[in-house]
């Protein structure tokens, strides 16, 4: 198997099938259409990984932003109870338009529950952890085109710009056809490979925007990413729009840096093996990087000793190149 074929097969295990992706989009679009019919709604658009086409399977949830007419909600945007009031208003509209019993546009929502920034709408049994949800986030459009969104816990409205990230990912994909697929690979990597602590999906996506190249093949792209990300991750991972600050304040940066550095070393060796014509060894090294779902031939068996019948001890083969000293790279 060629390396490109192996990556194609691996992406098949990472990507959601097209029918499930269409179903998720149809559910998102149902909410957009229903809520757009309300007289106080000026815009409705999708956000989140599905809108950026960087989603992993299985798709459990989608995000919808509902922009309201501020002139009809004069108290919104100010500190205090208006954040909770906006979430309650959106919940009431969802129940009236899409509630399971009496929805006028569809009977889809079993429960609509206001959270911190959005109303979580359960389309399946709320007790089913794998059930599908739609997160409806109310917002106000500001003069600079960014959004204000409610934050229930702090009784405040905070700035956000999800469209900036959507456009940024679209532009990177336009520059390099492998960008979105490799973002999905990296999101899967954080699950399948031993990385210390929880790493949010968005952390990997923003790291990719910072550290992924804009040309080359997938092997070189991943090698470049792991090397660059390992060297810079401890500088912090922040909202690309510059509005929301650090994406995951509780991130174990040292643990993630260690995982990135180890992947960079293996990726370097895999690319060197491929350049030397040792495709099987390259595939085995990529499997070490990306997990067992990456297809690779089994390692050759050691020859048996003619005296004992046991596998003979053979000298280990030195690495094809000296690994870069990534773990010792100075951090900013």
C-alpha atoms as a PDB file:
ATOM      1  CA  UNK A   1       0.000   0.000   0.000  1.00  0.00           C
ATOM      2  CA  UNK A   2       1.275   3.444  -0.917  1.00  0.00           C
ATOM      3  CA  UNK A   3       1.356   6.157   1.737  1.00  0.00           C
ATOM      4  CA  UNK A   4      -1.274   8.257  -0.046  1.00  0.00           C
ATOM      5  CA  UNK A   5      -3.590   5.236  -0.152  1.00  0.00           C
ATOM      6  CA  UNK A   6      -3.051   4.643   3.552  1.00  0.00           C
ATOM      7  CA  UNK A   7      -4.012   8.236   4.339  1.00  0.00           C
ATOM      8  CA  UNK A   8      -7.115   7.896   2.156  1.00  0.00           C
ATOM      9  CA  UNK A   9      -8.157   4.764   4.068  1.00  0.00           C
ATOM     10  CA  UNK A  10      -7.450   6.395   7.417  1.00  0.00           C
ATOM     11  CA  UNK A  11      -9.570   9.415   6.566  1.00  0.00           C
ATOM     12  CA  UNK A  12     -12.418   7.033   5.855  1.00  0.00           C
ATOM     13  CA  UNK A  13     -12.279   5.995   9.516  1.00  0.00           C
ATOM     14  CA  UNK A  14     -12.178   9.621  10.689  1.00  0.00           C
ATOM     15  CA  UNK A  15     -14.816  11.248   8.487  1.00  0.00           C
ATOM     16  CA  UNK A  16     -18.514  10.987   9.190  1.00  0.00           C
ATOM     17  CA  UNK A  17     -20.457   9.289   6.392  1.00  0.00           C
ATOM     18  CA  UNK A  18     -22.237  11.633   4.040  1.00  0.00           C
ATOM     19  CA  UNK A  19     -25.752  10.571   5.083  1.00  0.00           C
ATOM     20  CA  UNK A  20     -25.144  11.446   8.737  1.00  0.00           C
ATOM     21  CA  UNK A  21     -23.537  14.736   7.752  1.00  0.00           C
ATOM     22  CA  UNK A  22     -26.555  15.614   5.597  1.00  0.00           C
ATOM     23  CA  UNK A  23     -28.903  14.716   8.446  1.00  0.00           C
ATOM     24  CA  UNK A  24     -27.009  17.009  10.823  1.00  0.00           C
ATOM     25  CA  UNK A  25     -27.136  19.843   8.291  1.00  0.00           C
ATOM     26  CA  UNK A  26     -30.847  19.289   7.674  1.00  0.00           C
ATOM     27  CA  UNK A  27     -31.536  19.519  11.406  1.00  0.00           C
ATOM     28  CA  UNK A  28     -29.457  22.686  11.689  1.00  0.00           C
ATOM     29  CA  UNK A  29     -31.220  24.222   8.695  1.00  0.00           C
ATOM     30  CA  UNK A  30     -34.644  23.397  10.159  1.00  0.00           C
ATOM     31  CA  UNK A  31     -33.800  25.542  13.195  1.00  0.00           C
ATOM     32  CA  UNK A  32     -32.462  28.339  10.998  1.00  0.00           C
ATOM     33  CA  UNK A  33     -35.599  28.409   8.870  1.00  0.00           C
ATOM     34  CA  UNK A  34     -38.011  28.230  11.800  1.00  0.00           C
ATOM     35  CA  UNK A  35     -36.342  30.911  13.894  1.00  0.00           C
ATOM     36  CA  UNK A  36     -35.779  33.201  10.891  1.00  0.00           C
ATOM     37  CA  UNK A  37     -39.562  33.459  10.625  1.00  0.00           C
ATOM     38  CA  UNK A  38     -39.754  35.326  13.948  1.00  0.00           C
ATOM     39  CA  UNK A  39     -40.293  39.113  13.620  1.00  0.00           C
ATOM     40  CA  UNK A  40     -37.485  39.988  16.046  1.00  0.00           C
ATOM     41  CA  UNK A  41     -34.855  37.814  14.303  1.00  0.00           C
ATOM     42  CA  UNK A  42     -32.596  39.470  11.713  1.00  0.00           C
ATOM     43  CA  UNK A  43     -30.193  36.612  10.955  1.00  0.00           C
ATOM     44  CA  UNK A  44     -29.772  32.893  11.573  1.00  0.00           C
ATOM     45  CA  UNK A  45     -26.611  31.022  10.626  1.00  0.00           C
ATOM     46  CA  UNK A  46     -24.719  27.896  11.526  1.00  0.00           C
ATOM     47  CA  UNK A  47     -21.469  27.953  13.453  1.00  0.00           C
ATOM     48  CA  UNK A  48     -19.207  25.364  15.028  1.00  0.00           C
ATOM     49  CA  UNK A  49     -17.199  22.612  13.389  1.00  0.00           C
ATOM     50  CA  UNK A  50     -19.984  21.478  11.050  1.00  0.00           C
ATOM     51  CA  UNK A  51     -20.091  24.939   9.473  1.00  0.00           C
ATOM     52  CA  UNK A  52     -16.304  24.866   9.130  1.00  0.00           C
ATOM     53  CA  UNK A  53     -16.388  21.256   7.763  1.00  0.00           C
ATOM     54  CA  UNK A  54     -13.901  20.161  10.417  1.00  0.00           C
ATOM     55  CA  UNK A  55     -16.311  17.918  12.334  1.00  0.00           C
ATOM     56  CA  UNK A  56     -15.503  14.418  13.536  1.00  0.00           C
ATOM     57  CA  UNK A  57     -17.849  11.477  13.618  1.00  0.00           C
ATOM     58  CA  UNK A  58     -20.200  10.797  15.220  1.00  0.00           C
ATOM     59  CA  UNK A  59     -21.931  14.161  14.942  1.00  0.00           C
ATOM     60  CA  UNK A  60     -23.800  14.607  18.220  1.00  0.00           C
ATOM     61  CA  UNK A  61     -24.597  18.312  18.026  1.00  0.00           C
ATOM     62  CA  UNK A  62     -24.719  21.367  15.799  1.00  0.00           C
ATOM     63  CA  UNK A  63     -24.608  25.093  16.577  1.00  0.00           C
ATOM     64  CA  UNK A  64     -26.952  27.825  15.370  1.00  0.00           C
ATOM     65  CA  UNK A  65     -26.544  31.559  16.002  1.00  0.00           C
ATOM     66  CA  UNK A  66     -29.750  33.624  16.126  1.00  0.00           C
ATOM     67  CA  UNK A  67     -29.181  37.361  15.760  1.00  0.00           C
ATOM     68  CA  UNK A  68     -31.974  39.473  17.236  1.00  0.00           C
ATOM     69  CA  UNK A  69     -33.074  43.002  16.461  1.00  0.00           C
ATOM     70  CA  UNK A  70     -31.664  45.060  19.311  1.00  0.00           C
ATOM     71  CA  UNK A  71     -34.307  47.756  18.843  1.00  0.00           C
ATOM     72  CA  UNK A  72     -36.924  45.210  19.914  1.00  0.00           C
ATOM     73  CA  UNK A  73     -34.925  44.158  22.978  1.00  0.00           C
ATOM     74  CA  UNK A  74     -33.571  47.402  24.348  1.00  0.00           C
ATOM     75  CA  UNK A  75     -32.333  45.913  27.635  1.00  0.00           C
ATOM     76  CA  UNK A  76     -30.289  43.191  25.971  1.00  0.00           C
ATOM     77  CA  UNK A  77     -26.552  43.700  25.834  1.00  0.00           C
ATOM     78  CA  UNK A  78     -26.447  45.324  29.267  1.00  0.00           C
ATOM     79  CA  UNK A  79     -25.090  43.606  32.408  1.00  0.00           C
ATOM     80  CA  UNK A  80     -27.644  41.962  34.629  1.00  0.00           C
ATOM     81  CA  UNK A  81     -30.598  39.684  34.076  1.00  0.00           C
ATOM     82  CA  UNK A  82     -30.882  40.425  30.355  1.00  0.00           C
ATOM     83  CA  UNK A  83     -28.455  37.589  29.521  1.00  0.00           C
ATOM     84  CA  UNK A  84     -30.744  35.046  31.179  1.00  0.00           C
ATOM     85  CA  UNK A  85     -33.799  36.743  29.695  1.00  0.00           C
ATOM     86  CA  UNK A  86     -32.395  36.380  26.178  1.00  0.00           C
ATOM     87  CA  UNK A  87     -31.804  32.664  26.690  1.00  0.00           C
ATOM     88  CA  UNK A  88     -35.331  32.227  28.078  1.00  0.00           C
ATOM     89  CA  UNK A  89     -36.739  34.145  25.101  1.00  0.00           C
ATOM     90  CA  UNK A  90     -34.930  31.880  22.650  1.00  0.00           C
ATOM     91  CA  UNK A  91     -36.089  28.813  24.549  1.00  0.00           C
ATOM     92  CA  UNK A  92     -39.710  29.982  24.325  1.00  0.00           C
ATOM     93  CA  UNK A  93     -39.426  30.459  20.579  1.00  0.00           C
ATOM     94  CA  UNK A  94     -37.864  27.014  20.106  1.00  0.00           C
ATOM     95  CA  UNK A  95     -40.660  25.363  22.107  1.00  0.00           C
ATOM     96  CA  UNK A  96     -43.366  27.216  20.185  1.00  0.00           C
ATOM     97  CA  UNK A  97     -41.845  26.592  16.773  1.00  0.00           C
ATOM     98  CA  UNK A  98     -40.259  23.145  17.129  1.00  0.00           C
ATOM     99  CA  UNK A  99     -41.546  21.602  20.370  1.00  0.00           C
ATOM    100  CA  UNK A 100     -42.373  17.894  20.273  1.00  0.00           C
ATOM    101  CA  UNK A 101     -46.019  18.433  21.238  1.00  0.00           C
ATOM    102  CA  UNK A 102     -47.200  21.619  19.548  1.00  0.00           C
ATOM    103  CA  UNK A 103     -44.397  22.911  17.315  1.00  0.00           C
ATOM    104  CA  UNK A 104     -45.725  25.003  14.448  1.00  0.00           C
ATOM    105  CA  UNK A 105     -42.716  24.394  12.139  1.00  0.00           C
ATOM    106  CA  UNK A 106     -41.819  20.885  13.245  1.00  0.00           C
ATOM    107  CA  UNK A 107     -42.182  18.586  16.225  1.00  0.00           C
ATOM    108  CA  UNK A 108     -38.546  17.845  16.888  1.00  0.00           C
ATOM    109  CA  UNK A 109     -37.471  19.165  20.299  1.00  0.00           C
ATOM    110  CA  UNK A 110     -38.055  17.053  23.400  1.00  0.00           C
ATOM    111  CA  UNK A 111     -36.426  19.500  25.801  1.00  0.00           C
ATOM    112  CA  UNK A 112     -34.949  22.996  25.454  1.00  0.00           C
ATOM    113  CA  UNK A 113     -32.605  23.807  28.298  1.00  0.00           C
ATOM    114  CA  UNK A 114     -30.841  27.184  28.700  1.00  0.00           C
ATOM    115  CA  UNK A 115     -27.126  26.783  29.392  1.00  0.00           C
ATOM    116  CA  UNK A 116     -24.456  29.465  29.816  1.00  0.00           C
ATOM    117  CA  UNK A 117     -24.318  30.832  26.262  1.00  0.00           C
ATOM    118  CA  UNK A 118     -26.945  28.850  24.370  1.00  0.00           C
ATOM    119  CA  UNK A 119     -30.170  26.882  24.609  1.00  0.00           C
ATOM    120  CA  UNK A 120     -29.423  23.172  24.300  1.00  0.00           C
ATOM    121  CA  UNK A 121     -32.233  21.529  22.353  1.00  0.00           C
ATOM    122  CA  UNK A 122     -32.558  17.763  22.740  1.00  0.00           C
ATOM    123  CA  UNK A 123     -33.952  16.018  19.669  1.00  0.00           C
ATOM    124  CA  UNK A 124     -33.534  12.599  21.308  1.00  0.00           C
ATOM    125  CA  UNK A 125     -34.001  11.307  24.838  1.00  0.00           C
ATOM    126  CA  UNK A 126     -32.212  13.830  27.114  1.00  0.00           C
ATOM    127  CA  UNK A 127     -30.885  10.901  29.172  1.00  0.00           C
ATOM    128  CA  UNK A 128     -29.194   9.403  26.118  1.00  0.00           C
ATOM    129  CA  UNK A 129     -25.600  10.681  26.165  1.00  0.00           C
ATOM    130  CA  UNK A 130     -25.228   9.894  22.457  1.00  0.00           C
ATOM    131  CA  UNK A 131     -28.444  11.713  21.526  1.00  0.00           C
ATOM    132  CA  UNK A 132     -28.481  14.601  19.055  1.00  0.00           C
ATOM    133  CA  UNK A 133     -28.722  18.224  20.215  1.00  0.00           C
ATOM    134  CA  UNK A 134     -28.863  21.657  18.601  1.00  0.00           C
ATOM    135  CA  UNK A 135     -27.302  24.563  20.500  1.00  0.00           C
ATOM    136  CA  UNK A 136     -29.195  27.787  19.797  1.00  0.00           C
ATOM    137  CA  UNK A 137     -27.176  30.872  20.760  1.00  0.00           C
ATOM    138  CA  UNK A 138     -28.942  34.256  20.854  1.00  0.00           C
ATOM    139  CA  UNK A 139     -26.828  37.250  19.841  1.00  0.00           C
ATOM    140  CA  UNK A 140     -26.837  40.932  19.018  1.00  0.00           C
ATOM    141  CA  UNK A 141     -24.963  42.343  16.026  1.00  0.00           C
ATOM    142  CA  UNK A 142     -22.624  45.234  16.881  1.00  0.00           C
ATOM    143  CA  UNK A 143     -21.600  48.154  14.682  1.00  0.00           C
ATOM    144  CA  UNK A 144     -18.233  46.507  13.904  1.00  0.00           C
ATOM    145  CA  UNK A 145     -20.096  43.379  12.688  1.00  0.00           C
ATOM    146  CA  UNK A 146     -18.992  41.260  15.660  1.00  0.00           C
ATOM    147  CA  UNK A 147     -21.532  39.748  18.042  1.00  0.00           C
ATOM    148  CA  UNK A 148     -22.517  40.122  21.669  1.00  0.00           C
ATOM    149  CA  UNK A 149     -23.663  36.853  23.234  1.00  0.00           C
ATOM    150  CA  UNK A 150     -25.240  36.281  26.650  1.00  0.00           C
ATOM    151  CA  UNK A 151     -23.253  34.725  29.487  1.00  0.00           C
ATOM    152  CA  UNK A 152     -25.706  33.502  32.082  1.00  0.00           C
ATOM    153  CA  UNK A 153     -23.202  32.670  34.827  1.00  0.00           C
ATOM    154  CA  UNK A 154     -21.677  36.151  34.939  1.00  0.00           C
ATOM    155  CA  UNK A 155     -24.883  38.015  33.993  1.00  0.00           C
ATOM    156  CA  UNK A 156     -22.982  39.728  31.205  1.00  0.00           C
ATOM    157  CA  UNK A 157     -22.773  39.936  27.413  1.00  0.00           C
ATOM    158  CA  UNK A 158     -19.451  39.019  25.839  1.00  0.00           C
ATOM    159  CA  UNK A 159     -18.029  39.654  22.355  1.00  0.00           C
ATOM    160  CA  UNK A 160     -17.579  36.835  19.838  1.00  0.00           C
ATOM    161  CA  UNK A 161     -16.941  36.432  16.128  1.00  0.00           C
ATOM    162  CA  UNK A 162     -17.617  32.853  14.974  1.00  0.00           C
ATOM    163  CA  UNK A 163     -17.807  34.012  11.363  1.00  0.00           C
ATOM    164  CA  UNK A 164     -14.154  35.075  11.496  1.00  0.00           C
ATOM    165  CA  UNK A 165     -13.051  31.509  12.224  1.00  0.00           C
ATOM    166  CA  UNK A 166     -15.378  30.089   9.561  1.00  0.00           C
ATOM    167  CA  UNK A 167     -13.889  32.434   6.956  1.00  0.00           C
ATOM    168  CA  UNK A 168     -10.325  31.746   8.124  1.00  0.00           C
ATOM    169  CA  UNK A 169     -10.743  27.984   7.729  1.00  0.00           C
ATOM    170  CA  UNK A 170     -12.401  28.456   4.340  1.00  0.00           C
ATOM    171  CA  UNK A 171      -9.452  30.518   3.139  1.00  0.00           C
ATOM    172  CA  UNK A 172      -6.907  27.966   4.367  1.00  0.00           C
ATOM    173  CA  UNK A 173      -8.781  25.175   2.613  1.00  0.00           C
ATOM    174  CA  UNK A 174      -8.788  27.248  -0.568  1.00  0.00           C
ATOM    175  CA  UNK A 175      -5.005  27.573  -0.284  1.00  0.00           C
ATOM    176  CA  UNK A 176      -4.377  23.889   0.434  1.00  0.00           C
ATOM    177  CA  UNK A 177      -6.799  21.051  -0.275  1.00  0.00           C
ATOM    178  CA  UNK A 178      -5.556  18.951   2.643  1.00  0.00           C
ATOM    179  CA  UNK A 179      -6.191  21.501   5.398  1.00  0.00           C
ATOM    180  CA  UNK A 180      -9.683  20.499   6.561  1.00  0.00           C
ATOM    181  CA  UNK A 181      -9.059  16.737   6.287  1.00  0.00           C
ATOM    182  CA  UNK A 182      -5.874  17.043   8.344  1.00  0.00           C
ATOM    183  CA  UNK A 183      -7.646  19.152  10.964  1.00  0.00           C
ATOM    184  CA  UNK A 184     -10.033  16.235  11.398  1.00  0.00           C
ATOM    185  CA  UNK A 185      -7.039  13.886  11.635  1.00  0.00           C
ATOM    186  CA  UNK A 186      -5.524  16.042  14.380  1.00  0.00           C
ATOM    187  CA  UNK A 187      -8.792  16.155  16.295  1.00  0.00           C
ATOM    188  CA  UNK A 188      -8.900  12.355  16.144  1.00  0.00           C
ATOM    189  CA  UNK A 189      -5.223  12.197  17.179  1.00  0.00           C
ATOM    190  CA  UNK A 190      -6.000  13.955  20.440  1.00  0.00           C
ATOM    191  CA  UNK A 191      -8.417  11.104  21.263  1.00  0.00           C
ATOM    192  CA  UNK A 192      -6.476   8.085  20.020  1.00  0.00           C
ATOM    193  CA  UNK A 193      -2.971   8.935  21.191  1.00  0.00           C
ATOM    194  CA  UNK A 194      -1.968   9.285  24.824  1.00  0.00           C
ATOM    195  CA  UNK A 195      -2.103  13.037  25.433  1.00  0.00           C
ATOM    196  CA  UNK A 196      -2.272  14.103  29.045  1.00  0.00           C
ATOM    197  CA  UNK A 197      -5.624  15.551  30.083  1.00  0.00           C
ATOM    198  CA  UNK A 198      -8.578  16.861  28.109  1.00  0.00           C
ATOM    199  CA  UNK A 199      -7.831  18.778  24.904  1.00  0.00           C
ATOM    200  CA  UNK A 200     -10.695  20.667  23.308  1.00  0.00           C
ATOM    201  CA  UNK A 201     -11.343  20.077  19.635  1.00  0.00           C
ATOM    202  CA  UNK A 202     -11.031  23.801  18.946  1.00  0.00           C
ATOM    203  CA  UNK A 203      -7.527  23.853  20.442  1.00  0.00           C
ATOM    204  CA  UNK A 204      -6.293  21.491  17.724  1.00  0.00           C
ATOM    205  CA  UNK A 205      -8.061  23.474  15.004  1.00  0.00           C
ATOM    206  CA  UNK A 206      -6.497  26.766  16.058  1.00  0.00           C
ATOM    207  CA  UNK A 207      -3.084  25.119  16.410  1.00  0.00           C
ATOM    208  CA  UNK A 208      -3.508  23.880  12.843  1.00  0.00           C
ATOM    209  CA  UNK A 209      -4.267  27.410  11.657  1.00  0.00           C
ATOM    210  CA  UNK A 210      -1.059  28.565  13.335  1.00  0.00           C
ATOM    211  CA  UNK A 211       1.234  25.657  12.430  1.00  0.00           C
ATOM    212  CA  UNK A 212      -0.011  23.818   9.339  1.00  0.00           C
ATOM    213  CA  UNK A 213       1.687  24.556   5.987  1.00  0.00           C
ATOM    214  CA  UNK A 214      -0.190  25.702   2.904  1.00  0.00           C
ATOM    215  CA  UNK A 215       1.372  23.307   0.415  1.00  0.00           C
ATOM    216  CA  UNK A 216       2.885  19.855   0.134  1.00  0.00           C
ATOM    217  CA  UNK A 217       1.570  16.347   0.722  1.00  0.00           C
ATOM    218  CA  UNK A 218      -0.178  15.101   3.852  1.00  0.00           C
ATOM    219  CA  UNK A 219       2.897  13.437   5.333  1.00  0.00           C
ATOM    220  CA  UNK A 220       4.977  16.588   5.084  1.00  0.00           C
ATOM    221  CA  UNK A 221       2.051  18.652   6.319  1.00  0.00           C
ATOM    222  CA  UNK A 222       1.688  16.624   9.495  1.00  0.00           C
ATOM    223  CA  UNK A 223       5.427  16.552  10.089  1.00  0.00           C
ATOM    224  CA  UNK A 224       5.565  20.335   9.754  1.00  0.00           C
ATOM    225  CA  UNK A 225       2.550  20.760  12.020  1.00  0.00           C
ATOM    226  CA  UNK A 226       3.791  18.571  14.861  1.00  0.00           C
ATOM    227  CA  UNK A 227       7.235  20.189  14.802  1.00  0.00           C
ATOM    228  CA  UNK A 228       5.910  23.759  14.749  1.00  0.00           C
ATOM    229  CA  UNK A 229       3.072  23.154  17.219  1.00  0.00           C
ATOM    230  CA  UNK A 230       5.404  21.467  19.736  1.00  0.00           C
ATOM    231  CA  UNK A 231       7.674  24.515  19.639  1.00  0.00           C
ATOM    232  CA  UNK A 232       4.922  27.086  20.114  1.00  0.00           C
ATOM    233  CA  UNK A 233       2.055  25.478  22.058  1.00  0.00           C
ATOM    234  CA  UNK A 234       3.282  26.694  25.441  1.00  0.00           C
ATOM    235  CA  UNK A 235       2.833  30.264  24.200  1.00  0.00           C
ATOM    236  CA  UNK A 236      -0.897  29.613  24.602  1.00  0.00           C
ATOM    237  CA  UNK A 237      -3.811  28.896  22.259  1.00  0.00           C
ATOM    238  CA  UNK A 238      -6.095  31.897  21.861  1.00  0.00           C
ATOM    239  CA  UNK A 239      -9.196  32.960  19.939  1.00  0.00           C
ATOM    240  CA  UNK A 240      -7.974  33.884  16.415  1.00  0.00           C
ATOM    241  CA  UNK A 241     -10.410  36.822  16.338  1.00  0.00           C
ATOM    242  CA  UNK A 242      -8.746  38.264  19.448  1.00  0.00           C
ATOM    243  CA  UNK A 243     -12.015  38.594  21.366  1.00  0.00           C
ATOM    244  CA  UNK A 244     -12.465  35.571  23.630  1.00  0.00           C
ATOM    245  CA  UNK A 245      -8.961  35.108  25.015  1.00  0.00           C
ATOM    246  CA  UNK A 246      -7.555  31.681  25.822  1.00  0.00           C
ATOM    247  CA  UNK A 247      -9.567  28.844  24.322  1.00  0.00           C
ATOM    248  CA  UNK A 248      -8.992  26.340  27.139  1.00  0.00           C
ATOM    249  CA  UNK A 249      -7.615  27.876  30.337  1.00  0.00           C
ATOM    250  CA  UNK A 250      -7.341  24.484  32.067  1.00  0.00           C
ATOM    251  CA  UNK A 251      -5.323  22.909  29.233  1.00  0.00           C
ATOM    252  CA  UNK A 252      -2.312  20.834  30.309  1.00  0.00           C
ATOM    253  CA  UNK A 253       0.137  22.622  28.030  1.00  0.00           C
ATOM    254  CA  UNK A 254       3.139  20.588  29.146  1.00  0.00           C
ATOM    255  CA  UNK A 255       1.298  17.317  28.512  1.00  0.00           C
ATOM    256  CA  UNK A 256       0.156  18.432  25.066  1.00  0.00           C
ATOM    257  CA  UNK A 257       3.651  19.685  24.220  1.00  0.00           C
ATOM    258  CA  UNK A 258       5.086  16.287  25.136  1.00  0.00           C
ATOM    259  CA  UNK A 259       2.560  14.513  22.900  1.00  0.00           C
ATOM    260  CA  UNK A 260       3.252  16.882  20.004  1.00  0.00           C
ATOM    261  CA  UNK A 261       7.028  16.497  20.387  1.00  0.00           C
ATOM    262  CA  UNK A 262       6.832  12.698  20.393  1.00  0.00           C
ATOM    263  CA  UNK A 263       4.598  12.780  17.306  1.00  0.00           C
ATOM    264  CA  UNK A 264       7.033  15.175  15.602  1.00  0.00           C
ATOM    265  CA  UNK A 265       9.926  12.774  16.160  1.00  0.00           C
ATOM    266  CA  UNK A 266       7.989   9.815  14.754  1.00  0.00           C
ATOM    267  CA  UNK A 267       6.677  11.867  11.815  1.00  0.00           C
ATOM    268  CA  UNK A 268      10.224  12.956  10.982  1.00  0.00           C
ATOM    269  CA  UNK A 269      11.356   9.337  10.923  1.00  0.00           C
ATOM    270  CA  UNK A 270       8.328   8.309   8.837  1.00  0.00           C
ATOM    271  CA  UNK A 271       9.085  10.930   6.185  1.00  0.00           C
ATOM    272  CA  UNK A 272      12.741   9.920   6.158  1.00  0.00           C
ATOM    273  CA  UNK A 273      11.810   6.254   5.726  1.00  0.00           C
ATOM    274  CA  UNK A 274       9.513   7.129   2.824  1.00  0.00           C
ATOM    275  CA  UNK A 275      12.243   9.219   1.187  1.00  0.00           C
ATOM    276  CA  UNK A 276      14.611   6.233   1.470  1.00  0.00           C
ATOM    277  CA  UNK A 277      12.058   3.976  -0.248  1.00  0.00           C
ATOM    278  CA  UNK A 278      11.107   2.041   2.895  1.00  0.00           C
ATOM    279  CA  UNK A 279       7.351   2.463   2.555  1.00  0.00           C
ATOM    280  CA  UNK A 280       6.395  -0.312   4.992  1.00  0.00           C
ATOM    281  CA  UNK A 281       8.501   1.220   7.750  1.00  0.00           C
ATOM    282  CA  UNK A 282       7.030   4.647   7.003  1.00  0.00           C
ATOM    283  CA  UNK A 283       3.517   3.235   7.317  1.00  0.00           C
ATOM    284  CA  UNK A 284       4.343   1.562  10.635  1.00  0.00           C
ATOM    285  CA  UNK A 285       5.721   4.837  11.970  1.00  0.00           C
ATOM    286  CA  UNK A 286       2.619   6.742  10.868  1.00  0.00           C
ATOM    287  CA  UNK A 287       0.564   4.131  12.672  1.00  0.00           C
ATOM    288  CA  UNK A 288       2.553   4.913  15.825  1.00  0.00           C
ATOM    289  CA  UNK A 289       1.721   8.577  15.342  1.00  0.00           C
ATOM    290  CA  UNK A 290      -1.958   8.298  14.447  1.00  0.00           C
ATOM    291  CA  UNK A 291      -3.126   5.106  16.136  1.00  0.00           C
ATOM    292  CA  UNK A 292      -4.159   1.609  15.156  1.00  0.00           C
ATOM    293  CA  UNK A 293      -6.791   2.790  12.665  1.00  0.00           C
ATOM    294  CA  UNK A 294      -3.994   3.905  10.345  1.00  0.00           C
ATOM    295  CA  UNK A 295      -3.288   0.942   8.010  1.00  0.00           C
ATOM    296  CA  UNK A 296       0.236  -0.490   8.151  1.00  0.00           C
ATOM    297  CA  UNK A 297       1.844  -3.876   7.510  1.00  0.00           C
ATOM    298  CA  UNK A 298       2.872  -5.934  10.488  1.00  0.00           C
ATOM    299  CA  UNK A 299       6.499  -5.729  11.528  1.00  0.00           C
ATOM    300  CA  UNK A 300       8.579  -8.555  10.036  1.00  0.00           C
ATOM    301  CA  UNK A 301       9.108 -11.509  12.373  1.00  0.00           C
ATOM    302  CA  UNK A 302      12.587 -12.021  13.761  1.00  0.00           C
ATOM    303  CA  UNK A 303      14.380 -15.115  12.396  1.00  0.00           C
ATOM    304  CA  UNK A 304      14.513 -18.081  14.774  1.00  0.00           C
ATOM    305  CA  UNK A 305      17.812 -19.121  16.344  1.00  0.00           C
ATOM    306  CA  UNK A 306      19.076 -22.389  14.775  1.00  0.00           C
ATOM    307  CA  UNK A 307      20.197 -23.520  18.271  1.00  0.00           C
ATOM    308  CA  UNK A 308      17.169 -22.722  20.462  1.00  0.00           C
ATOM    309  CA  UNK A 309      14.325 -22.092  18.026  1.00  0.00           C
ATOM    310  CA  UNK A 310      13.615 -18.829  19.821  1.00  0.00           C
ATOM    311  CA  UNK A 311      13.606 -15.522  17.916  1.00  0.00           C
ATOM    312  CA  UNK A 312      17.160 -14.423  17.407  1.00  0.00           C
ATOM    313  CA  UNK A 313      18.393 -11.196  18.862  1.00  0.00           C
ATOM    314  CA  UNK A 314      19.336  -8.837  16.075  1.00  0.00           C
ATOM    315  CA  UNK A 315      20.949  -5.436  16.449  1.00  0.00           C
ATOM    316  CA  UNK A 316      18.509  -2.579  16.381  1.00  0.00           C
ATOM    317  CA  UNK A 317      18.596  -0.438  13.254  1.00  0.00           C
ATOM    318  CA  UNK A 318      19.604   3.136  13.953  1.00  0.00           C
ATOM    319  CA  UNK A 319      17.156   5.866  13.095  1.00  0.00           C
ATOM    320  CA  UNK A 320      17.406   7.033   9.512  1.00  0.00           C
ATOM    321  CA  UNK A 321      18.034  10.564  10.710  1.00  0.00           C
ATOM    322  CA  UNK A 322      18.819  12.116  14.025  1.00  0.00           C
ATOM    323  CA  UNK A 323      15.547  13.252  15.594  1.00  0.00           C
ATOM    324  CA  UNK A 324      15.189  16.968  16.143  1.00  0.00           C
ATOM    325  CA  UNK A 325      15.639  17.976  19.802  1.00  0.00           C
ATOM    326  CA  UNK A 326      12.088  19.251  19.997  1.00  0.00           C
ATOM    327  CA  UNK A 327      11.582  18.567  23.679  1.00  0.00           C
ATOM    328  CA  UNK A 328      14.411  20.968  24.485  1.00  0.00           C
ATOM    329  CA  UNK A 329      13.165  23.737  22.224  1.00  0.00           C
ATOM    330  CA  UNK A 330      12.909  27.048  24.111  1.00  0.00           C
ATOM    331  CA  UNK A 331       9.345  28.166  24.644  1.00  0.00           C
ATOM    332  CA  UNK A 332       8.023  31.712  24.418  1.00  0.00           C
END
